[in-house]
C-alpha atoms as a PDB file:
ATOM      1  CA  UNK A   1     -23.874  47.819 -63.007  1.00  0.00           C
ATOM      2  CA  UNK A   2     -23.574  48.675 -59.248  1.00  0.00           C
ATOM      3  CA  UNK A   3     -27.183  49.787 -57.810  1.00  0.00           C
ATOM      4  CA  UNK A   4     -28.570  51.620 -54.389  1.00  0.00           C
ATOM      5  CA  UNK A   5     -32.202  51.380 -53.754  1.00  0.00           C
ATOM      6  CA  UNK A   6     -33.659  52.389 -50.607  1.00  0.00           C
ATOM      7  CA  UNK A   7     -36.939  52.192 -48.525  1.00  0.00           C
ATOM      8  CA  UNK A   8     -38.067  55.972 -47.540  1.00  0.00           C
ATOM      9  CA  UNK A   9     -39.715  55.673 -43.915  1.00  0.00           C
ATOM     10  CA  UNK A  10     -36.796  54.364 -41.641  1.00  0.00           C
ATOM     11  CA  UNK A  11     -33.721  54.660 -43.389  1.00  0.00           C
ATOM     12  CA  UNK A  12     -34.143  58.052 -44.701  1.00  0.00           C
ATOM     13  CA  UNK A  13     -37.032  59.867 -42.536  1.00  0.00           C
ATOM     14  CA  UNK A  14     -37.995  59.361 -38.996  1.00  0.00           C
ATOM     15  CA  UNK A  15     -41.973  59.343 -40.349  1.00  0.00           C
ATOM     16  CA  UNK A  16     -44.700  57.015 -40.789  1.00  0.00           C
ATOM     17  CA  UNK A  17     -46.340  59.794 -42.670  1.00  0.00           C
ATOM     18  CA  UNK A  18     -50.197  57.583 -43.376  1.00  0.00           C
ATOM     19  CA  UNK A  19     -50.054  56.758 -39.555  1.00  0.00           C
ATOM     20  CA  UNK A  20     -49.120  60.584 -38.712  1.00  0.00           C
ATOM     21  CA  UNK A  21     -51.826  61.531 -41.674  1.00  0.00           C
ATOM     22  CA  UNK A  22     -54.079  59.387 -39.461  1.00  0.00           C
ATOM     23  CA  UNK A  23     -53.540  60.879 -36.154  1.00  0.00           C
ATOM     24  CA  UNK A  24     -54.440  63.906 -38.005  1.00  0.00           C
ATOM     25  CA  UNK A  25     -57.229  63.881 -39.409  1.00  0.00           C
ATOM     26  CA  UNK A  26     -59.078  60.550 -38.114  1.00  0.00           C
ATOM     27  CA  UNK A  27     -60.528  61.154 -34.244  1.00  0.00           C
ATOM     28  CA  UNK A  28     -58.550  58.319 -31.842  1.00  0.00           C
ATOM     29  CA  UNK A  29     -56.311  58.088 -35.326  1.00  0.00           C
ATOM     30  CA  UNK A  30     -53.689  56.674 -33.879  1.00  0.00           C
ATOM     31  CA  UNK A  31     -55.397  54.116 -31.999  1.00  0.00           C
ATOM     32  CA  UNK A  32     -57.363  53.327 -35.479  1.00  0.00           C
ATOM     33  CA  UNK A  33     -54.088  53.050 -37.484  1.00  0.00           C
ATOM     34  CA  UNK A  34     -52.198  50.817 -35.326  1.00  0.00           C
ATOM     35  CA  UNK A  35     -55.356  48.339 -35.716  1.00  0.00           C
ATOM     36  CA  UNK A  36     -55.412  48.491 -39.323  1.00  0.00           C
ATOM     37  CA  UNK A  37     -51.891  47.725 -39.314  1.00  0.00           C
ATOM     38  CA  UNK A  38     -51.203  44.814 -37.472  1.00  0.00           C
ATOM     39  CA  UNK A  39     -54.729  43.273 -39.210  1.00  0.00           C
ATOM     40  CA  UNK A  40     -52.489  44.139 -42.057  1.00  0.00           C
ATOM     41  CA  UNK A  41     -49.436  42.349 -40.571  1.00  0.00           C
ATOM     42  CA  UNK A  42     -51.538  39.133 -39.381  1.00  0.00           C
ATOM     43  CA  UNK A  43     -53.047  39.088 -43.163  1.00  0.00           C
ATOM     44  CA  UNK A  44     -49.541  39.234 -44.581  1.00  0.00           C
ATOM     45  CA  UNK A  45     -47.484  37.184 -42.493  1.00  0.00           C
ATOM     46  CA  UNK A  46     -49.727  35.047 -40.169  1.00  0.00           C
ATOM     47  CA  UNK A  47     -52.661  33.819 -42.672  1.00  0.00           C
ATOM     48  CA  UNK A  48     -51.199  34.692 -45.496  1.00  0.00           C
ATOM     49  CA  UNK A  49     -54.289  35.404 -46.829  1.00  0.00           C
ATOM     50  CA  UNK A  50     -54.046  34.479 -51.024  1.00  0.00           C
ATOM     51  CA  UNK A  51     -53.281  37.904 -53.295  1.00  0.00           C
ATOM     52  CA  UNK A  52     -52.574  40.073 -50.428  1.00  0.00           C
ATOM     53  CA  UNK A  53     -49.367  42.649 -49.472  1.00  0.00           C
ATOM     54  CA  UNK A  54     -47.713  43.900 -46.783  1.00  0.00           C
ATOM     55  CA  UNK A  55     -48.703  47.448 -46.994  1.00  0.00           C
ATOM     56  CA  UNK A  56     -52.097  47.631 -47.758  1.00  0.00           C
ATOM     57  CA  UNK A  57     -53.095  49.413 -44.890  1.00  0.00           C
ATOM     58  CA  UNK A  58     -52.401  52.746 -46.540  1.00  0.00           C
ATOM     59  CA  UNK A  59     -55.410  51.840 -48.753  1.00  0.00           C
ATOM     60  CA  UNK A  60     -57.449  50.466 -46.312  1.00  0.00           C
ATOM     61  CA  UNK A  61     -57.509  53.737 -44.441  1.00  0.00           C
ATOM     62  CA  UNK A  62     -57.944  55.857 -47.252  1.00  0.00           C
ATOM     63  CA  UNK A  63     -62.347  55.889 -47.081  1.00  0.00           C
ATOM     64  CA  UNK A  64     -61.916  56.755 -43.495  1.00  0.00           C
ATOM     65  CA  UNK A  65     -59.450  60.179 -44.315  1.00  0.00           C
ATOM     66  CA  UNK A  66     -61.547  60.870 -46.904  1.00  0.00           C
ATOM     67  CA  UNK A  67     -64.428  60.616 -44.819  1.00  0.00           C
ATOM     68  CA  UNK A  68     -62.555  63.298 -42.012  1.00  0.00           C
ATOM     69  CA  UNK A  69     -61.957  66.124 -44.973  1.00  0.00           C
ATOM     70  CA  UNK A  70     -58.635  65.202 -45.884  1.00  0.00           C
ATOM     71  CA  UNK A  71     -57.729  66.180 -49.574  1.00  0.00           C
ATOM     72  CA  UNK A  72     -55.099  65.793 -51.766  1.00  0.00           C
ATOM     73  CA  UNK A  73     -53.924  69.761 -51.191  1.00  0.00           C
ATOM     74  CA  UNK A  74     -53.841  69.114 -47.191  1.00  0.00           C
ATOM     75  CA  UNK A  75     -52.109  65.696 -47.556  1.00  0.00           C
ATOM     76  CA  UNK A  76     -49.293  67.272 -49.277  1.00  0.00           C
ATOM     77  CA  UNK A  77     -48.973  70.620 -46.901  1.00  0.00           C
ATOM     78  CA  UNK A  78     -49.090  68.065 -43.856  1.00  0.00           C
ATOM     79  CA  UNK A  79     -46.526  66.224 -45.905  1.00  0.00           C
ATOM     80  CA  UNK A  80     -44.646  69.217 -46.471  1.00  0.00           C
ATOM     81  CA  UNK A  81     -44.551  70.955 -42.757  1.00  0.00           C
ATOM     82  CA  UNK A  82     -43.931  67.421 -41.103  1.00  0.00           C
ATOM     83  CA  UNK A  83     -40.710  65.407 -42.689  1.00  0.00           C
ATOM     84  CA  UNK A  84     -37.873  64.523 -40.439  1.00  0.00           C
ATOM     85  CA  UNK A  85     -35.434  62.886 -41.628  1.00  0.00           C
ATOM     86  CA  UNK A  86     -32.722  60.265 -39.625  1.00  0.00           C
ATOM     87  CA  UNK A  87     -30.051  62.328 -39.145  1.00  0.00           C
ATOM     88  CA  UNK A  88     -27.261  62.749 -42.050  1.00  0.00           C
ATOM     89  CA  UNK A  89     -29.965  61.453 -44.546  1.00  0.00           C
ATOM     90  CA  UNK A  90     -29.628  64.295 -46.498  1.00  0.00           C
ATOM     91  CA  UNK A  91     -25.823  63.846 -46.923  1.00  0.00           C
ATOM     92  CA  UNK A  92     -26.244  59.962 -47.426  1.00  0.00           C
ATOM     93  CA  UNK A  93     -28.548  60.014 -50.177  1.00  0.00           C
ATOM     94  CA  UNK A  94     -26.262  63.194 -51.793  1.00  0.00           C
ATOM     95  CA  UNK A  95     -22.589  60.833 -51.337  1.00  0.00           C
ATOM     96  CA  UNK A  96     -24.486  57.602 -52.881  1.00  0.00           C
ATOM     97  CA  UNK A  97     -26.214  59.310 -55.635  1.00  0.00           C
ATOM     98  CA  UNK A  98     -22.297  60.155 -56.834  1.00  0.00           C
ATOM     99  CA  UNK A  99     -21.122  56.998 -56.200  1.00  0.00           C
ATOM    100  CA  UNK A 100     -23.974  55.272 -58.298  1.00  0.00           C
ATOM    101  CA  UNK A 101     -27.647  54.777 -59.925  1.00  0.00           C
ATOM    102  CA  UNK A 102     -29.503  55.263 -56.951  1.00  0.00           C
ATOM    103  CA  UNK A 103     -33.618  55.199 -56.389  1.00  0.00           C
ATOM    104  CA  UNK A 104     -36.297  55.085 -53.163  1.00  0.00           C
ATOM    105  CA  UNK A 105     -38.969  52.704 -53.345  1.00  0.00           C
ATOM    106  CA  UNK A 106     -41.434  53.339 -50.988  1.00  0.00           C
ATOM    107  CA  UNK A 107     -44.951  52.477 -49.687  1.00  0.00           C
ATOM    108  CA  UNK A 108     -46.152  56.139 -48.879  1.00  0.00           C
ATOM    109  CA  UNK A 109     -48.690  57.959 -50.617  1.00  0.00           C
ATOM    110  CA  UNK A 110     -46.276  60.029 -53.311  1.00  0.00           C
ATOM    111  CA  UNK A 111     -47.947  63.587 -51.869  1.00  0.00           C
ATOM    112  CA  UNK A 112     -45.203  62.696 -49.300  1.00  0.00           C
ATOM    113  CA  UNK A 113     -42.245  61.205 -51.378  1.00  0.00           C
ATOM    114  CA  UNK A 114     -42.631  64.536 -53.820  1.00  0.00           C
ATOM    115  CA  UNK A 115     -42.266  66.749 -50.623  1.00  0.00           C
ATOM    116  CA  UNK A 116     -39.275  64.648 -49.720  1.00  0.00           C
ATOM    117  CA  UNK A 117     -37.296  64.928 -53.035  1.00  0.00           C
ATOM    118  CA  UNK A 118     -37.792  68.602 -53.236  1.00  0.00           C
ATOM    119  CA  UNK A 119     -36.163  68.834 -49.255  1.00  0.00           C
ATOM    120  CA  UNK A 120     -33.196  66.938 -50.042  1.00  0.00           C
ATOM    121  CA  UNK A 121     -33.113  67.542 -53.924  1.00  0.00           C
ATOM    122  CA  UNK A 122     -33.672  63.996 -54.829  1.00  0.00           C
ATOM    123  CA  UNK A 123     -34.960  63.394 -58.315  1.00  0.00           C
ATOM    124  CA  UNK A 124     -38.310  62.473 -58.072  1.00  0.00           C
ATOM    125  CA  UNK A 125     -37.943  60.204 -61.181  1.00  0.00           C
ATOM    126  CA  UNK A 126     -35.972  57.978 -59.594  1.00  0.00           C
ATOM    127  CA  UNK A 127     -38.246  57.242 -56.831  1.00  0.00           C
ATOM    128  CA  UNK A 128     -41.556  54.941 -56.843  1.00  0.00           C
ATOM    129  CA  UNK A 129     -44.378  55.699 -54.810  1.00  0.00           C
ATOM    130  CA  UNK A 130     -48.110  54.516 -54.088  1.00  0.00           C
ATOM    131  CA  UNK A 131     -50.218  57.152 -56.729  1.00  0.00           C
ATOM    132  CA  UNK A 132     -53.126  58.517 -55.194  1.00  0.00           C
ATOM    133  CA  UNK A 133     -55.464  61.316 -56.491  1.00  0.00           C
ATOM    134  CA  UNK A 134     -57.709  61.349 -53.245  1.00  0.00           C
ATOM    135  CA  UNK A 135     -59.839  64.275 -54.447  1.00  0.00           C
ATOM    136  CA  UNK A 136     -61.559  62.426 -57.677  1.00  0.00           C
ATOM    137  CA  UNK A 137     -63.688  59.825 -55.111  1.00  0.00           C
ATOM    138  CA  UNK A 138     -67.006  60.590 -54.183  1.00  0.00           C
ATOM    139  CA  UNK A 139     -68.288  60.295 -50.562  1.00  0.00           C
ATOM    140  CA  UNK A 140     -72.076  60.938 -50.685  1.00  0.00           C
ATOM    141  CA  UNK A 141     -73.490  61.876 -47.588  1.00  0.00           C
ATOM    142  CA  UNK A 142     -75.305  58.450 -46.447  1.00  0.00           C
ATOM    143  CA  UNK A 143     -71.659  56.412 -46.876  1.00  0.00           C
ATOM    144  CA  UNK A 144     -69.855  59.023 -44.995  1.00  0.00           C
ATOM    145  CA  UNK A 145     -72.272  58.461 -42.318  1.00  0.00           C
ATOM    146  CA  UNK A 146     -71.199  54.816 -43.029  1.00  0.00           C
ATOM    147  CA  UNK A 147     -67.589  54.919 -42.765  1.00  0.00           C
ATOM    148  CA  UNK A 148     -67.817  57.307 -39.698  1.00  0.00           C
ATOM    149  CA  UNK A 149     -69.824  54.116 -38.072  1.00  0.00           C
ATOM    150  CA  UNK A 150     -66.803  51.772 -39.141  1.00  0.00           C
ATOM    151  CA  UNK A 151     -64.649  53.469 -37.409  1.00  0.00           C
ATOM    152  CA  UNK A 152     -66.403  53.195 -34.316  1.00  0.00           C
ATOM    153  CA  UNK A 153     -66.721  49.979 -34.558  1.00  0.00           C
ATOM    154  CA  UNK A 154     -63.144  49.268 -35.362  1.00  0.00           C
ATOM    155  CA  UNK A 155     -61.780  50.771 -32.498  1.00  0.00           C
ATOM    156  CA  UNK A 156     -64.177  49.069 -30.073  1.00  0.00           C
ATOM    157  CA  UNK A 157     -64.179  45.486 -31.417  1.00  0.00           C
ATOM    158  CA  UNK A 158     -61.122  45.063 -33.969  1.00  0.00           C
ATOM    159  CA  UNK A 159     -61.544  41.220 -34.039  1.00  0.00           C
ATOM    160  CA  UNK A 160     -60.621  39.864 -37.226  1.00  0.00           C
ATOM    161  CA  UNK A 161     -64.185  38.836 -38.079  1.00  0.00           C
ATOM    162  CA  UNK A 162     -65.155  42.241 -37.647  1.00  0.00           C
ATOM    163  CA  UNK A 163     -62.360  43.593 -40.140  1.00  0.00           C
ATOM    164  CA  UNK A 164     -62.780  41.455 -42.249  1.00  0.00           C
ATOM    165  CA  UNK A 165     -66.777  42.185 -42.951  1.00  0.00           C
ATOM    166  CA  UNK A 166     -65.878  45.978 -42.963  1.00  0.00           C
ATOM    167  CA  UNK A 167     -62.609  45.731 -45.530  1.00  0.00           C
ATOM    168  CA  UNK A 168     -63.175  42.977 -48.022  1.00  0.00           C
ATOM    169  CA  UNK A 169     -67.370  42.769 -47.768  1.00  0.00           C
ATOM    170  CA  UNK A 170     -69.059  46.105 -46.683  1.00  0.00           C
ATOM    171  CA  UNK A 171     -66.867  49.060 -48.063  1.00  0.00           C
ATOM    172  CA  UNK A 172     -66.110  47.242 -51.520  1.00  0.00           C
ATOM    173  CA  UNK A 173     -69.908  47.569 -52.228  1.00  0.00           C
ATOM    174  CA  UNK A 174     -69.772  51.315 -51.507  1.00  0.00           C
ATOM    175  CA  UNK A 175     -68.829  54.093 -54.109  1.00  0.00           C
ATOM    176  CA  UNK A 176     -66.242  54.466 -52.048  1.00  0.00           C
ATOM    177  CA  UNK A 177     -64.974  51.261 -52.547  1.00  0.00           C
ATOM    178  CA  UNK A 178     -63.631  51.786 -56.086  1.00  0.00           C
ATOM    179  CA  UNK A 179     -60.870  53.320 -54.272  1.00  0.00           C
ATOM    180  CA  UNK A 180     -59.979  50.067 -52.975  1.00  0.00           C
ATOM    181  CA  UNK A 181     -59.628  48.477 -56.981  1.00  0.00           C
ATOM    182  CA  UNK A 182     -58.141  51.957 -58.400  1.00  0.00           C
ATOM    183  CA  UNK A 183     -54.912  52.709 -56.094  1.00  0.00           C
ATOM    184  CA  UNK A 184     -52.194  50.322 -55.975  1.00  0.00           C
ATOM    185  CA  UNK A 185     -50.035  50.100 -53.244  1.00  0.00           C
ATOM    186  CA  UNK A 186     -46.514  50.078 -53.461  1.00  0.00           C
ATOM    187  CA  UNK A 187     -46.507  46.982 -50.620  1.00  0.00           C
ATOM    188  CA  UNK A 188     -43.820  44.257 -50.054  1.00  0.00           C
ATOM    189  CA  UNK A 189     -44.774  42.193 -53.463  1.00  0.00           C
ATOM    190  CA  UNK A 190     -44.446  45.275 -55.746  1.00  0.00           C
ATOM    191  CA  UNK A 191     -41.352  46.535 -53.986  1.00  0.00           C
ATOM    192  CA  UNK A 192     -39.915  43.182 -55.105  1.00  0.00           C
ATOM    193  CA  UNK A 193     -41.521  43.113 -58.606  1.00  0.00           C
ATOM    194  CA  UNK A 194     -39.880  47.346 -59.175  1.00  0.00           C
ATOM    195  CA  UNK A 195     -36.700  45.981 -57.946  1.00  0.00           C
ATOM    196  CA  UNK A 196     -36.457  43.424 -60.495  1.00  0.00           C
ATOM    197  CA  UNK A 197     -38.126  46.279 -63.026  1.00  0.00           C
ATOM    198  CA  UNK A 198     -34.811  48.896 -61.540  1.00  0.00           C
ATOM    199  CA  UNK A 199     -32.294  45.932 -62.107  1.00  0.00           C
ATOM    200  CA  UNK A 200     -33.378  45.183 -65.654  1.00  0.00           C
ATOM    201  CA  UNK A 201     -33.297  48.600 -66.605  1.00  0.00           C
ATOM    202  CA  UNK A 202     -30.282  49.325 -65.609  1.00  0.00           C
ATOM    203  CA  UNK A 203     -28.626  46.311 -67.275  1.00  0.00           C
ATOM    204  CA  UNK A 204     -27.400  45.361 -63.813  1.00  0.00           C
ATOM    205  CA  UNK A 205     -27.613  42.180 -61.409  1.00  0.00           C
ATOM    206  CA  UNK A 206     -29.045  40.594 -58.159  1.00  0.00           C
ATOM    207  CA  UNK A 207     -25.192  41.135 -56.673  1.00  0.00           C
ATOM    208  CA  UNK A 208     -24.638  44.442 -57.784  1.00  0.00           C
ATOM    209  CA  UNK A 209     -27.912  45.574 -56.004  1.00  0.00           C
ATOM    210  CA  UNK A 210     -27.805  46.730 -52.496  1.00  0.00           C
ATOM    211  CA  UNK A 211     -31.166  47.329 -50.564  1.00  0.00           C
ATOM    212  CA  UNK A 212     -31.793  49.244 -47.284  1.00  0.00           C
ATOM    213  CA  UNK A 213     -35.395  48.465 -45.278  1.00  0.00           C
ATOM    214  CA  UNK A 214     -36.815  48.235 -42.047  1.00  0.00           C
ATOM    215  CA  UNK A 215     -40.347  46.973 -41.967  1.00  0.00           C
ATOM    216  CA  UNK A 216     -42.478  44.207 -43.429  1.00  0.00           C
ATOM    217  CA  UNK A 217     -43.140  45.952 -46.160  1.00  0.00           C
ATOM    218  CA  UNK A 218     -39.334  45.091 -47.278  1.00  0.00           C
ATOM    219  CA  UNK A 219     -38.940  41.301 -46.967  1.00  0.00           C
ATOM    220  CA  UNK A 220     -39.731  40.256 -50.003  1.00  0.00           C
ATOM    221  CA  UNK A 221     -37.004  42.256 -51.707  1.00  0.00           C
ATOM    222  CA  UNK A 222     -35.207  41.263 -48.771  1.00  0.00           C
ATOM    223  CA  UNK A 223     -35.713  37.318 -49.809  1.00  0.00           C
ATOM    224  CA  UNK A 224     -35.165  37.922 -53.276  1.00  0.00           C
ATOM    225  CA  UNK A 225     -32.006  39.996 -52.815  1.00  0.00           C
ATOM    226  CA  UNK A 226     -30.087  38.390 -49.744  1.00  0.00           C
ATOM    227  CA  UNK A 227     -28.389  35.181 -51.691  1.00  0.00           C
ATOM    228  CA  UNK A 228     -27.007  37.241 -53.928  1.00  0.00           C
ATOM    229  CA  UNK A 229     -26.865  40.591 -53.199  1.00  0.00           C
ATOM    230  CA  UNK A 230     -27.102  42.837 -49.987  1.00  0.00           C
ATOM    231  CA  UNK A 231     -30.362  43.261 -47.832  1.00  0.00           C
ATOM    232  CA  UNK A 232     -29.512  45.740 -45.017  1.00  0.00           C
ATOM    233  CA  UNK A 233     -32.118  45.947 -42.426  1.00  0.00           C
ATOM    234  CA  UNK A 234     -31.954  49.655 -40.610  1.00  0.00           C
ATOM    235  CA  UNK A 235     -33.044  50.112 -37.155  1.00  0.00           C
ATOM    236  CA  UNK A 236     -35.476  47.037 -38.582  1.00  0.00           C
ATOM    237  CA  UNK A 237     -38.317  45.190 -36.497  1.00  0.00           C
ATOM    238  CA  UNK A 238     -38.275  42.120 -36.343  1.00  0.00           C
ATOM    239  CA  UNK A 239     -39.723  41.463 -39.752  1.00  0.00           C
ATOM    240  CA  UNK A 240     -37.100  43.016 -41.298  1.00  0.00           C
ATOM    241  CA  UNK A 241     -33.974  41.848 -38.429  1.00  0.00           C
ATOM    242  CA  UNK A 242     -34.824  38.178 -39.502  1.00  0.00           C
ATOM    243  CA  UNK A 243     -35.100  38.816 -43.331  1.00  0.00           C
ATOM    244  CA  UNK A 244     -31.656  40.167 -43.735  1.00  0.00           C
ATOM    245  CA  UNK A 245     -28.203  39.672 -44.448  1.00  0.00           C
ATOM    246  CA  UNK A 246     -26.800  42.675 -43.181  1.00  0.00           C
ATOM    247  CA  UNK A 247     -28.061  44.136 -39.738  1.00  0.00           C
ATOM    248  CA  UNK A 248     -27.436  47.812 -38.895  1.00  0.00           C
ATOM    249  CA  UNK A 249     -28.292  49.314 -35.591  1.00  0.00           C
ATOM    250  CA  UNK A 250     -27.552  53.324 -35.750  1.00  0.00           C
ATOM    251  CA  UNK A 251     -28.859  56.650 -34.485  1.00  0.00           C
ATOM    252  CA  UNK A 252     -27.430  58.219 -38.097  1.00  0.00           C
ATOM    253  CA  UNK A 253     -27.374  57.236 -41.270  1.00  0.00           C
ATOM    254  CA  UNK A 254     -23.597  57.346 -41.492  1.00  0.00           C
ATOM    255  CA  UNK A 255     -23.207  53.095 -41.317  1.00  0.00           C
ATOM    256  CA  UNK A 256     -25.054  53.834 -44.850  1.00  0.00           C
ATOM    257  CA  UNK A 257     -22.794  55.822 -45.752  1.00  0.00           C
ATOM    258  CA  UNK A 258     -20.116  53.236 -45.653  1.00  0.00           C
ATOM    259  CA  UNK A 259     -21.844  50.325 -47.066  1.00  0.00           C
ATOM    260  CA  UNK A 260     -22.684  52.031 -50.268  1.00  0.00           C
ATOM    261  CA  UNK A 261     -19.763  53.074 -50.482  1.00  0.00           C
ATOM    262  CA  UNK A 262     -17.788  49.483 -50.079  1.00  0.00           C
ATOM    263  CA  UNK A 263     -20.796  48.327 -52.059  1.00  0.00           C
ATOM    264  CA  UNK A 264     -19.957  50.740 -55.269  1.00  0.00           C
ATOM    265  CA  UNK A 265     -15.879  49.680 -55.012  1.00  0.00           C
ATOM    266  CA  UNK A 266     -15.934  45.755 -53.495  1.00  0.00           C
ATOM    267  CA  UNK A 267     -17.700  42.836 -54.586  1.00  0.00           C
ATOM    268  CA  UNK A 268     -20.619  41.691 -51.956  1.00  0.00           C
ATOM    269  CA  UNK A 269     -17.947  39.356 -50.038  1.00  0.00           C
ATOM    270  CA  UNK A 270     -15.609  42.076 -49.599  1.00  0.00           C
ATOM    271  CA  UNK A 271     -18.614  43.790 -47.795  1.00  0.00           C
ATOM    272  CA  UNK A 272     -19.040  40.838 -45.463  1.00  0.00           C
ATOM    273  CA  UNK A 273     -15.666  40.603 -44.669  1.00  0.00           C
ATOM    274  CA  UNK A 274     -15.494  44.842 -43.788  1.00  0.00           C
ATOM    275  CA  UNK A 275     -18.808  43.796 -41.768  1.00  0.00           C
ATOM    276  CA  UNK A 276     -17.154  40.526 -39.976  1.00  0.00           C
ATOM    277  CA  UNK A 277     -13.722  43.127 -39.282  1.00  0.00           C
ATOM    278  CA  UNK A 278     -15.833  45.924 -37.677  1.00  0.00           C
ATOM    279  CA  UNK A 279     -17.986  43.192 -34.921  1.00  0.00           C
ATOM    280  CA  UNK A 280     -14.339  42.523 -33.816  1.00  0.00           C
ATOM    281  CA  UNK A 281     -12.249  46.188 -34.135  1.00  0.00           C
ATOM    282  CA  UNK A 282     -14.666  48.260 -35.050  1.00  0.00           C
ATOM    283  CA  UNK A 283     -11.725  51.234 -35.164  1.00  0.00           C
ATOM    284  CA  UNK A 284      -9.379  49.422 -36.879  1.00  0.00           C
ATOM    285  CA  UNK A 285     -11.941  47.914 -39.401  1.00  0.00           C
ATOM    286  CA  UNK A 286     -13.122  51.415 -40.231  1.00  0.00           C
ATOM    287  CA  UNK A 287      -9.390  52.895 -40.559  1.00  0.00           C
ATOM    288  CA  UNK A 288      -8.154  50.003 -42.841  1.00  0.00           C
ATOM    289  CA  UNK A 289     -11.429  50.327 -45.459  1.00  0.00           C
ATOM    290  CA  UNK A 290     -12.686  53.354 -45.185  1.00  0.00           C
ATOM    291  CA  UNK A 291     -10.580  56.214 -42.665  1.00  0.00           C
ATOM    292  CA  UNK A 292     -12.334  59.384 -43.798  1.00  0.00           C
ATOM    293  CA  UNK A 293     -15.855  57.898 -41.605  1.00  0.00           C
ATOM    294  CA  UNK A 294     -13.499  57.220 -38.335  1.00  0.00           C
ATOM    295  CA  UNK A 295     -15.763  59.967 -36.379  1.00  0.00           C
ATOM    296  CA  UNK A 296     -19.045  57.295 -37.085  1.00  0.00           C
ATOM    297  CA  UNK A 297     -17.352  55.588 -33.985  1.00  0.00           C
ATOM    298  CA  UNK A 298     -18.722  58.202 -31.754  1.00  0.00           C
ATOM    299  CA  UNK A 299     -21.868  56.855 -31.779  1.00  0.00           C
ATOM    300  CA  UNK A 300     -21.114  53.260 -31.599  1.00  0.00           C
ATOM    301  CA  UNK A 301     -23.357  52.030 -34.431  1.00  0.00           C
ATOM    302  CA  UNK A 302     -24.038  48.169 -34.670  1.00  0.00           C
ATOM    303  CA  UNK A 303     -23.418  46.338 -38.034  1.00  0.00           C
ATOM    304  CA  UNK A 304     -23.365  42.489 -37.739  1.00  0.00           C
ATOM    305  CA  UNK A 305     -24.064  39.624 -39.936  1.00  0.00           C
ATOM    306  CA  UNK A 306     -27.239  37.922 -38.785  1.00  0.00           C
ATOM    307  CA  UNK A 307     -25.051  34.537 -38.356  1.00  0.00           C
ATOM    308  CA  UNK A 308     -22.814  35.694 -35.936  1.00  0.00           C
ATOM    309  CA  UNK A 309     -25.088  37.001 -33.317  1.00  0.00           C
ATOM    310  CA  UNK A 310     -28.282  35.729 -31.707  1.00  0.00           C
ATOM    311  CA  UNK A 311     -31.029  36.707 -33.570  1.00  0.00           C
ATOM    312  CA  UNK A 312     -33.714  37.508 -31.189  1.00  0.00           C
ATOM    313  CA  UNK A 313     -31.329  39.550 -29.232  1.00  0.00           C
ATOM    314  CA  UNK A 314     -30.019  41.878 -31.985  1.00  0.00           C
ATOM    315  CA  UNK A 315     -34.099  41.776 -32.898  1.00  0.00           C
ATOM    316  CA  UNK A 316     -34.943  43.063 -29.939  1.00  0.00           C
ATOM    317  CA  UNK A 317     -31.975  45.876 -29.956  1.00  0.00           C
ATOM    318  CA  UNK A 318     -32.619  46.703 -33.309  1.00  0.00           C
ATOM    319  CA  UNK A 319     -35.870  47.253 -32.001  1.00  0.00           C
ATOM    320  CA  UNK A 320     -35.050  49.187 -29.435  1.00  0.00           C
ATOM    321  CA  UNK A 321     -33.326  51.915 -31.755  1.00  0.00           C
ATOM    322  CA  UNK A 322     -35.834  52.382 -34.059  1.00  0.00           C
ATOM    323  CA  UNK A 323     -38.333  53.238 -30.817  1.00  0.00           C
ATOM    324  CA  UNK A 324     -35.986  55.424 -29.393  1.00  0.00           C
ATOM    325  CA  UNK A 325     -34.973  57.670 -32.579  1.00  0.00           C
ATOM    326  CA  UNK A 326     -38.500  57.145 -34.186  1.00  0.00           C
ATOM    327  CA  UNK A 327     -40.750  57.383 -31.092  1.00  0.00           C
ATOM    328  CA  UNK A 328     -42.583  54.294 -29.586  1.00  0.00           C
ATOM    329  CA  UNK A 329     -45.865  53.960 -31.527  1.00  0.00           C
ATOM    330  CA  UNK A 330     -44.254  54.433 -35.196  1.00  0.00           C
ATOM    331  CA  UNK A 331     -41.367  52.337 -33.929  1.00  0.00           C
ATOM    332  CA  UNK A 332     -43.841  49.494 -32.781  1.00  0.00           C
ATOM    333  CA  UNK A 333     -45.292  49.685 -36.432  1.00  0.00           C
ATOM    334  CA  UNK A 334     -45.128  46.292 -38.947  1.00  0.00           C
END
């Protein structure tokens, strides 16, 4: 059985909901989030700390959101009011859902994913995201004072040793530190586990699975699928581009509709043949494989196999598009 699985932020929405929540609730929250996100990247991919997974930024910022007044209700409201879709994403989800079983696997908090599903009429039961009940955690006044002080330290002295002490020694000893143990982030390793679970539950196989991602939280799935399935980077950063077996650079989701339709009808090898043909002659490739999508060519999307191009140059181009459509700050996050 053919399967479609996609990350949310990047392939479907332009948001980075956690970054935006931080910017909204926490003073200098954009800079704060960027520091914690970079720290997350380093622990996951440079230091490769045992048991750590990319995406834990969403766990580490929770005591700070709590300290500055975020509640479940306010997070839901903010998420509903600030969803920005990639052009044609709603049509893309409707189209692929008519072709095959389709799922969204996202690191994002479930508040945001529920709001997205309501907006685009996608079944929430077919999504996986980070479950969170922020209101149930207590933050005593003295701990709130400490968390606010930690924010100042992180902004002024963001070295690894300082961040390690705050996040792995100080906060875990506090009452609010329970949140670190309780909340299971749908990070890079968890996304891989969920992808395996979806394949198993649908009596499918790796070679029947297409996965779309764009960031460091998707690379474990890419590594799992790329030798047999389809691992597609959509306006991905360098982490995603270098682990994918198809790279898409586009201001709209139209190429994802094309690739998904071909995936639903053809073998993996035939999808690769289309990509090779498209690289040489986009117009005739579309005319031969899917003429109904010829208008896609107006935006001149790039669809390539990584082995056909200079990977560093295509990573730069992908990152440029990522920043162009999502904004410089969100586009620059891991």
